[in-house]
């Protein structure tokens, strides 16, 4: 069974490794979405952390997915 995990992500400039902290786990996307919205609103203005929802089979799998380096999307000429 898979779950929706909410992670607090911190990354120092120049640091390749992201700091991941599991904040919550939900069975439904609706609940996870509501919770992450509250976290983002309550976040202080000087806090650099991001809050993300990820769907995964386990907490370990979610952390691995969040640590993956994703390629930048290709920008077409008309999108510049």
PDB file of N, CA and C in Angstrom:
ATOM      1  N   UNK A   1       0.844  -1.187   0.000  1.00  0.00           N
ATOM      2  CA  UNK A   1       0.000   0.000   0.000  1.00  0.00           C
ATOM      3  C   UNK A   1       0.884   1.243   0.000  1.00  0.00           C
ATOM      4  N   UNK A   2       0.480   2.238  -0.749  1.00  0.00           N
ATOM      5  CA  UNK A   2       1.246   3.485  -0.844  1.00  0.00           C
ATOM      6  C   UNK A   2       0.579   4.579  -0.022  1.00  0.00           C
ATOM      7  N   UNK A   3       1.383   5.559   0.340  1.00  0.00           N
ATOM      8  CA  UNK A   3       0.912   6.661   1.176  1.00  0.00           C
ATOM      9  C   UNK A   3       1.373   7.992   0.599  1.00  0.00           C
ATOM     10  N   UNK A   4       0.772   9.055   1.094  1.00  0.00           N
ATOM     11  CA  UNK A   4       1.211  10.408   0.770  1.00  0.00           C
ATOM     12  C   UNK A   4       2.047  10.903   1.944  1.00  0.00           C
ATOM     13  N   UNK A   5       3.285  11.215   1.675  1.00  0.00           N
ATOM     14  CA  UNK A   5       4.202  11.692   2.706  1.00  0.00           C
ATOM     15  C   UNK A   5       4.433  13.181   2.514  1.00  0.00           C
ATOM     16  N   UNK A   6       4.534  13.908   3.611  1.00  0.00           N
ATOM     17  CA  UNK A   6       4.908  15.321   3.563  1.00  0.00           C
ATOM     18  C   UNK A   6       6.291  15.432   4.173  1.00  0.00           C
ATOM     19  N   UNK A   7       7.192  16.061   3.418  1.00  0.00           N
ATOM     20  CA  UNK A   7       8.560  16.252   3.875  1.00  0.00           C
ATOM     21  C   UNK A   7       8.901  17.730   3.919  1.00  0.00           C
ATOM     22  N   UNK A   8       9.675  18.091   4.918  1.00  0.00           N
ATOM     23  CA  UNK A   8      10.274  19.420   5.006  1.00  0.00           C
ATOM     24  C   UNK A   8      11.669  19.273   4.403  1.00  0.00           C
ATOM     25  N   UNK A   9      11.954  20.069   3.376  1.00  0.00           N
ATOM     26  CA  UNK A   9      13.215  19.950   2.647  1.00  0.00           C
ATOM     27  C   UNK A   9      14.046  21.206   2.866  1.00  0.00           C
ATOM     28  N   UNK A  10      15.259  21.001   3.353  1.00  0.00           N
ATOM     29  CA  UNK A  10      16.203  22.105   3.520  1.00  0.00           C
ATOM     30  C   UNK A  10      17.457  21.779   2.722  1.00  0.00           C
ATOM     31  N   UNK A  11      18.006  22.801   2.087  1.00  0.00           N
ATOM     32  CA  UNK A  11      19.228  22.601   1.314  1.00  0.00           C
ATOM     33  C   UNK A  11      20.048  23.878   1.369  1.00  0.00           C
ATOM     34  N   UNK A  12      21.254  23.753   1.865  1.00  0.00           N
ATOM     35  CA  UNK A  12      22.155  24.898   1.930  1.00  0.00           C
ATOM     36  C   UNK A  12      22.686  25.195   0.537  1.00  0.00           C
ATOM     37  N   UNK A  13      22.931  26.468   0.228  1.00  0.00           N
ATOM     38  CA  UNK A  13      23.511  26.803  -1.075  1.00  0.00           C
ATOM     39  C   UNK A  13      24.840  26.082  -1.271  1.00  0.00           C
ATOM     40  N   UNK A  14      25.007  25.481  -2.431  1.00  0.00           N
ATOM     41  CA  UNK A  14      26.237  24.765  -2.732  1.00  0.00           C
ATOM     42  C   UNK A  14      26.277  23.356  -2.184  1.00  0.00           C
ATOM     43  N   UNK A  15      25.270  22.966  -1.422  1.00  0.00           N
ATOM     44  CA  UNK A  15      25.226  21.629  -0.837  1.00  0.00           C
ATOM     45  C   UNK A  15      24.397  20.722  -1.740  1.00  0.00           C
ATOM     46  N   UNK A  16      24.946  19.593  -2.129  1.00  0.00           N
ATOM     47  CA  UNK A  16      24.253  18.683  -3.033  1.00  0.00           C
ATOM     48  C   UNK A  16      23.174  17.893  -2.303  1.00  0.00           C
ATOM     49  N   UNK A  17      23.444  17.507  -1.072  1.00  0.00           N
ATOM     50  CA  UNK A  17      22.518  16.665  -0.312  1.00  0.00           C
ATOM     51  C   UNK A  17      21.429  17.520   0.329  1.00  0.00           C
ATOM     52  N   UNK A  18      20.193  17.086   0.158  1.00  0.00           N
ATOM     53  CA  UNK A  18      19.052  17.778   0.752  1.00  0.00           C
ATOM     54  C   UNK A  18      18.793  17.222   2.146  1.00  0.00           C
ATOM     55  N   UNK A  19      18.430  18.110   3.052  1.00  0.00           N
ATOM     56  CA  UNK A  19      18.005  17.671   4.376  1.00  0.00           C
ATOM     57  C   UNK A  19      16.521  17.355   4.325  1.00  0.00           C
ATOM     58  N   UNK A  20      16.161  16.115   4.607  1.00  0.00           N
ATOM     59  CA  UNK A  20      14.766  15.690   4.544  1.00  0.00           C
ATOM     60  C   UNK A  20      14.266  15.330   5.935  1.00  0.00           C
ATOM     61  N   UNK A  21      13.107  15.858   6.267  1.00  0.00           N
ATOM     62  CA  UNK A  21      12.486  15.551   7.557  1.00  0.00           C
ATOM     63  C   UNK A  21      11.019  15.223   7.308  1.00  0.00           C
ATOM     64  N   UNK A  22      10.626  13.999   7.617  1.00  0.00           N
ATOM     65  CA  UNK A  22       9.225  13.611   7.428  1.00  0.00           C
ATOM     66  C   UNK A  22       8.370  14.355   8.442  1.00  0.00           C
ATOM     67  N   UNK A  23       7.337  15.014   7.934  1.00  0.00           N
ATOM     68  CA  UNK A  23       6.448  15.794   8.787  1.00  0.00           C
ATOM     69  C   UNK A  23       5.170  15.018   9.083  1.00  0.00           C
ATOM     70  N   UNK A  24       4.626  14.351   8.048  1.00  0.00           N
ATOM     71  CA  UNK A  24       3.362  13.635   8.223  1.00  0.00           C
ATOM     72  C   UNK A  24       3.190  12.583   7.134  1.00  0.00           C
ATOM     73  N   UNK A  25       2.195  11.723   7.353  1.00  0.00           N
ATOM     74  CA  UNK A  25       1.876  10.654   6.404  1.00  0.00           C
ATOM     75  C   UNK A  25       0.358  10.523   6.347  1.00  0.00           C
ATOM     76  N   UNK A  26      -0.199  10.424   5.129  1.00  0.00           N
ATOM     77  CA  UNK A  26      -1.649  10.344   4.962  1.00  0.00           C
ATOM     78  C   UNK A  26      -2.018   9.256   3.967  1.00  0.00           C
ATOM     79  N   UNK A  27      -3.244   8.763   4.090  1.00  0.00           N
ATOM     80  CA  UNK A  27      -3.767   7.777   3.146  1.00  0.00           C
ATOM     81  C   UNK A  27      -4.382   8.442   1.923  1.00  0.00           C
ATOM     82  N   UNK A  28      -4.881   9.668   2.077  1.00  0.00           N
ATOM     83  CA  UNK A  28      -5.538  10.339   0.954  1.00  0.00           C
ATOM     84  C   UNK A  28      -4.821  11.643   0.599  1.00  0.00           C
ATOM     85  N   UNK A  29      -4.869  11.964  -0.685  1.00  0.00           N
ATOM     86  CA  UNK A  29      -4.222  13.182  -1.170  1.00  0.00           C
ATOM     87  C   UNK A  29      -4.905  14.422  -0.605  1.00  0.00           C
ATOM     88  N   UNK A  30      -6.221  14.376  -0.490  1.00  0.00           N
ATOM     89  CA  UNK A  30      -6.972  15.535  -0.001  1.00  0.00           C
ATOM     90  C   UNK A  30      -6.491  15.969   1.384  1.00  0.00           C
ATOM     91  N   UNK A  31      -6.317  15.004   2.281  1.00  0.00           N
ATOM     92  CA  UNK A  31      -5.835  15.313   3.636  1.00  0.00           C
ATOM     93  C   UNK A  31      -4.405  15.859   3.597  1.00  0.00           C
ATOM     94  N   UNK A  32      -3.561  15.229   2.789  1.00  0.00           N
ATOM     95  CA  UNK A  32      -2.164  15.664   2.681  1.00  0.00           C
ATOM     96  C   UNK A  32      -2.088  17.086   2.134  1.00  0.00           C
ATOM     97  N   UNK A  33      -2.903  17.379   1.136  1.00  0.00           N
ATOM     98  CA  UNK A  33      -2.913  18.708   0.516  1.00  0.00           C
ATOM     99  C   UNK A  33      -3.334  19.779   1.529  1.00  0.00           C
ATOM    100  N   UNK A  34      -4.360  19.494   2.309  1.00  0.00           N
ATOM    101  CA  UNK A  34      -4.817  20.453   3.321  1.00  0.00           C
ATOM    102  C   UNK A  34      -3.731  20.707   4.361  1.00  0.00           C
ATOM    103  N   UNK A  35      -3.071  19.638   4.792  1.00  0.00           N
ATOM    104  CA  UNK A  35      -2.038  19.767   5.823  1.00  0.00           C
ATOM    105  C   UNK A  35      -0.831  20.554   5.308  1.00  0.00           C
ATOM    106  N   UNK A  36      -0.397  20.270   4.090  1.00  0.00           N
ATOM    107  CA  UNK A  36       0.779  20.966   3.557  1.00  0.00           C
ATOM    108  C   UNK A  36       0.466  22.447   3.324  1.00  0.00           C
ATOM    109  N   UNK A  37      -0.765  22.769   2.967  1.00  0.00           N
ATOM    110  CA  UNK A  37      -1.142  24.180   2.809  1.00  0.00           C
ATOM    111  C   UNK A  37      -1.017  24.918   4.137  1.00  0.00           C
ATOM    112  N   UNK A  38      -1.468  24.290   5.220  1.00  0.00           N
ATOM    113  CA  UNK A  38      -1.351  24.904   6.549  1.00  0.00           C
ATOM    114  C   UNK A  38       0.113  25.100   6.941  1.00  0.00           C
ATOM    115  N   UNK A  39       0.948  24.105   6.652  1.00  0.00           N
ATOM    116  CA  UNK A  39       2.373  24.220   6.972  1.00  0.00           C
ATOM    117  C   UNK A  39       3.013  25.381   6.217  1.00  0.00           C
ATOM    118  N   UNK A  40       2.653  25.538   4.956  1.00  0.00           N
ATOM    119  CA  UNK A  40       3.236  26.610   4.138  1.00  0.00           C
ATOM    120  C   UNK A  40       2.781  27.984   4.616  1.00  0.00           C
ATOM    121  N   UNK A  41       1.530  28.093   5.062  1.00  0.00           N
ATOM    122  CA  UNK A  41       1.012  29.369   5.564  1.00  0.00           C
ATOM    123  C   UNK A  41       1.664  29.725   6.897  1.00  0.00           C
ATOM    124  N   UNK A  42       1.856  28.735   7.761  1.00  0.00           N
ATOM    125  CA  UNK A  42       2.420  28.965   9.094  1.00  0.00           C
ATOM    126  C   UNK A  42       3.933  29.150   9.092  1.00  0.00           C
ATOM    127  N   UNK A  43       4.571  28.875   7.977  1.00  0.00           N
ATOM    128  CA  UNK A  43       6.033  28.979   7.880  1.00  0.00           C
ATOM    129  C   UNK A  43       6.465  30.434   8.042  1.00  0.00           C
ATOM    130  N   UNK A  44       7.526  30.666   8.818  1.00  0.00           N
ATOM    131  CA  UNK A  44       8.020  32.031   8.998  1.00  0.00           C
ATOM    132  C   UNK A  44       8.662  32.524   7.704  1.00  0.00           C
ATOM    133  N   UNK A  45       8.656  33.830   7.521  1.00  0.00           N
ATOM    134  CA  UNK A  45       9.138  34.410   6.262  1.00  0.00           C
ATOM    135  C   UNK A  45      10.631  34.207   6.042  1.00  0.00           C
ATOM    136  N   UNK A  46      11.407  34.040   7.109  1.00  0.00           N
ATOM    137  CA  UNK A  46      12.850  33.851   6.950  1.00  0.00           C
ATOM    138  C   UNK A  46      13.243  32.374   6.835  1.00  0.00           C
ATOM    139  N   UNK A  47      12.276  31.475   6.929  1.00  0.00           N
ATOM    140  CA  UNK A  47      12.559  30.044   6.806  1.00  0.00           C
ATOM    141  C   UNK A  47      12.707  29.679   5.329  1.00  0.00           C
ATOM    142  N   UNK A  48      13.798  29.001   4.985  1.00  0.00           N
ATOM    143  CA  UNK A  48      14.076  28.658   3.596  1.00  0.00           C
ATOM    144  C   UNK A  48      13.589  27.261   3.216  1.00  0.00           C
ATOM    145  N   UNK A  49      12.983  26.560   4.127  1.00  0.00           N
ATOM    146  CA  UNK A  49      12.548  25.184   3.869  1.00  0.00           C
ATOM    147  C   UNK A  49      11.364  25.144   2.906  1.00  0.00           C
ATOM    148  N   UNK A  50      11.285  24.036   2.170  1.00  0.00           N
ATOM    149  CA  UNK A  50      10.154  23.759   1.297  1.00  0.00           C
ATOM    150  C   UNK A  50       9.372  22.598   1.889  1.00  0.00           C
ATOM    151  N   UNK A  51       8.070  22.578   1.645  1.00  0.00           N
ATOM    152  CA  UNK A  51       7.243  21.451   2.058  1.00  0.00           C
ATOM    153  C   UNK A  51       6.702  20.798   0.800  1.00  0.00           C
ATOM    154  N   UNK A  52       6.925  19.490   0.669  1.00  0.00           N
ATOM    155  CA  UNK A  52       6.484  18.769  -0.523  1.00  0.00           C
ATOM    156  C   UNK A  52       5.708  17.523  -0.140  1.00  0.00           C
ATOM    157  N   UNK A  53       4.742  17.190  -1.007  1.00  0.00           N
ATOM    158  CA  UNK A  53       3.985  15.948  -0.883  1.00  0.00           C
ATOM    159  C   UNK A  53       4.552  14.975  -1.903  1.00  0.00           C
ATOM    160  N   UNK A  54       4.740  13.736  -1.488  1.00  0.00           N
ATOM    161  CA  UNK A  54       5.204  12.708  -2.417  1.00  0.00           C
ATOM    162  C   UNK A  54       4.442  11.419  -2.147  1.00  0.00           C
ATOM    163  N   UNK A  55       4.060  10.745  -3.220  1.00  0.00           N
ATOM    164  CA  UNK A  55       3.330   9.485  -3.143  1.00  0.00           C
ATOM    165  C   UNK A  55       4.329   8.349  -3.294  1.00  0.00           C
ATOM    166  N   UNK A  56       4.412   7.479  -2.294  1.00  0.00           N
ATOM    167  CA  UNK A  56       5.395   6.392  -2.330  1.00  0.00           C
ATOM    168  C   UNK A  56       4.924   5.219  -1.479  1.00  0.00           C
ATOM    169  N   UNK A  57       5.584   4.076  -1.702  1.00  0.00           N
ATOM    170  CA  UNK A  57       5.235   2.856  -0.970  1.00  0.00           C
ATOM    171  C   UNK A  57       5.740   2.868   0.466  1.00  0.00           C
ATOM    172  N   UNK A  58       6.851   3.579   0.704  1.00  0.00           N
ATOM    173  CA  UNK A  58       7.420   3.624   2.051  1.00  0.00           C
ATOM    174  C   UNK A  58       8.136   4.952   2.251  1.00  0.00           C
ATOM    175  N   UNK A  59       8.474   5.227   3.495  1.00  0.00           N
ATOM    176  CA  UNK A  59       9.210   6.456   3.802  1.00  0.00           C
ATOM    177  C   UNK A  59      10.581   6.446   3.127  1.00  0.00           C
ATOM    178  N   UNK A  60      11.233   5.307   3.119  1.00  0.00           N
ATOM    179  CA  UNK A  60      12.544   5.187   2.481  1.00  0.00           C
ATOM    180  C   UNK A  60      12.452   5.449   0.983  1.00  0.00           C
ATOM    181  N   UNK A  61      11.434   4.881   0.336  1.00  0.00           N
ATOM    182  CA  UNK A  61      11.227   5.099  -1.089  1.00  0.00           C
ATOM    183  C   UNK A  61      10.947   6.570  -1.378  1.00  0.00           C
ATOM    184  N   UNK A  62      10.177   7.216  -0.524  1.00  0.00           N
ATOM    185  CA  UNK A  62       9.872   8.641  -0.691  1.00  0.00           C
ATOM    186  C   UNK A  62      11.144   9.479  -0.597  1.00  0.00           C
ATOM    187  N   UNK A  63      12.007   9.161   0.370  1.00  0.00           N
ATOM    188  CA  UNK A  63      13.270   9.893   0.516  1.00  0.00           C
ATOM    189  C   UNK A  63      14.160   9.708  -0.707  1.00  0.00           C
ATOM    190  N   UNK A  64      14.204   8.494  -1.240  1.00  0.00           N
ATOM    191  CA  UNK A  64      15.009   8.237  -2.435  1.00  0.00           C
ATOM    192  C   UNK A  64      14.497   9.040  -3.621  1.00  0.00           C
ATOM    193  N   UNK A  65      13.183   9.096  -3.787  1.00  0.00           N
ATOM    194  CA  UNK A  65      12.599   9.858  -4.891  1.00  0.00           C
ATOM    195  C   UNK A  65      12.898  11.352  -4.756  1.00  0.00           C
ATOM    196  N   UNK A  66      12.856  11.861  -3.540  1.00  0.00           N
ATOM    197  CA  UNK A  66      13.126  13.283  -3.321  1.00  0.00           C
ATOM    198  C   UNK A  66      14.599  13.631  -3.516  1.00  0.00           C
ATOM    199  N   UNK A  67      15.493  12.684  -3.318  1.00  0.00           N
ATOM    200  CA  UNK A  67      16.932  12.935  -3.475  1.00  0.00           C
ATOM    201  C   UNK A  67      17.391  12.830  -4.933  1.00  0.00           C
ATOM    202  N   UNK A  68      16.558  12.254  -5.804  1.00  0.00           N
ATOM    203  CA  UNK A  68      16.940  12.089  -7.204  1.00  0.00           C
ATOM    204  C   UNK A  68      17.164  13.437  -7.869  1.00  0.00           C
ATOM    205  N   UNK A  69      18.181  13.491  -8.696  1.00  0.00           N
ATOM    206  CA  UNK A  69      18.455  14.691  -9.489  1.00  0.00           C
ATOM    207  C   UNK A  69      17.564  14.637 -10.718  1.00  0.00           C
ATOM    208  N   UNK A  70      16.683  15.614 -10.856  1.00  0.00           N
ATOM    209  CA  UNK A  70      15.770  15.655 -11.998  1.00  0.00           C
ATOM    210  C   UNK A  70      16.306  16.613 -13.042  1.00  0.00           C
ATOM    211  N   UNK A  71      16.198  16.200 -14.294  1.00  0.00           N
ATOM    212  CA  UNK A  71      16.667  17.045 -15.386  1.00  0.00           C
ATOM    213  C   UNK A  71      15.724  18.227 -15.561  1.00  0.00           C
ATOM    214  N   UNK A  72      16.315  19.352 -15.953  1.00  0.00           N
ATOM    215  CA  UNK A  72      15.515  20.533 -16.240  1.00  0.00           C
ATOM    216  C   UNK A  72      14.690  20.277 -17.498  1.00  0.00           C
ATOM    217  N   UNK A  73      13.454  20.745 -17.537  1.00  0.00           N
ATOM    218  CA  UNK A  73      12.660  20.561 -18.751  1.00  0.00           C
ATOM    219  C   UNK A  73      13.269  21.358 -19.905  1.00  0.00           C
ATOM    220  N   UNK A  74      13.116  20.831 -21.095  1.00  0.00           N
ATOM    221  CA  UNK A  74      13.635  21.507 -22.281  1.00  0.00           C
ATOM    222  C   UNK A  74      12.718  22.676 -22.597  1.00  0.00           C
ATOM    223  N   UNK A  75      13.308  23.844 -22.713  1.00  0.00           N
ATOM    224  CA  UNK A  75      12.533  25.041 -23.024  1.00  0.00           C
ATOM    225  C   UNK A  75      12.539  25.228 -24.535  1.00  0.00           C
ATOM    226  N   UNK A  76      11.356  25.287 -25.094  1.00  0.00           N
ATOM    227  CA  UNK A  76      11.228  25.513 -26.533  1.00  0.00           C
ATOM    228  C   UNK A  76      11.433  26.994 -26.822  1.00  0.00           C
ATOM    229  N   UNK A  77      11.748  27.298 -28.047  1.00  0.00           N
ATOM    230  CA  UNK A  77      12.048  28.672 -28.454  1.00  0.00           C
ATOM    231  C   UNK A  77      10.898  29.625 -28.107  1.00  0.00           C
ATOM    232  N   UNK A  78       9.661  29.201 -28.314  1.00  0.00           N
ATOM    233  CA  UNK A  78       8.512  30.078 -28.078  1.00  0.00           C
ATOM    234  C   UNK A  78       8.194  30.255 -26.586  1.00  0.00           C
ATOM    235  N   UNK A  79       8.830  29.479 -25.724  1.00  0.00           N
ATOM    236  CA  UNK A  79       8.586  29.587 -24.287  1.00  0.00           C
ATOM    237  C   UNK A  79       9.538  30.551 -23.593  1.00  0.00           C
ATOM    238  N   UNK A  80      10.544  31.024 -24.309  1.00  0.00           N
ATOM    239  CA  UNK A  80      11.544  31.906 -23.693  1.00  0.00           C
ATOM    240  C   UNK A  80      10.995  33.282 -23.446  1.00  0.00           C
TER     241      UNK A  80
END
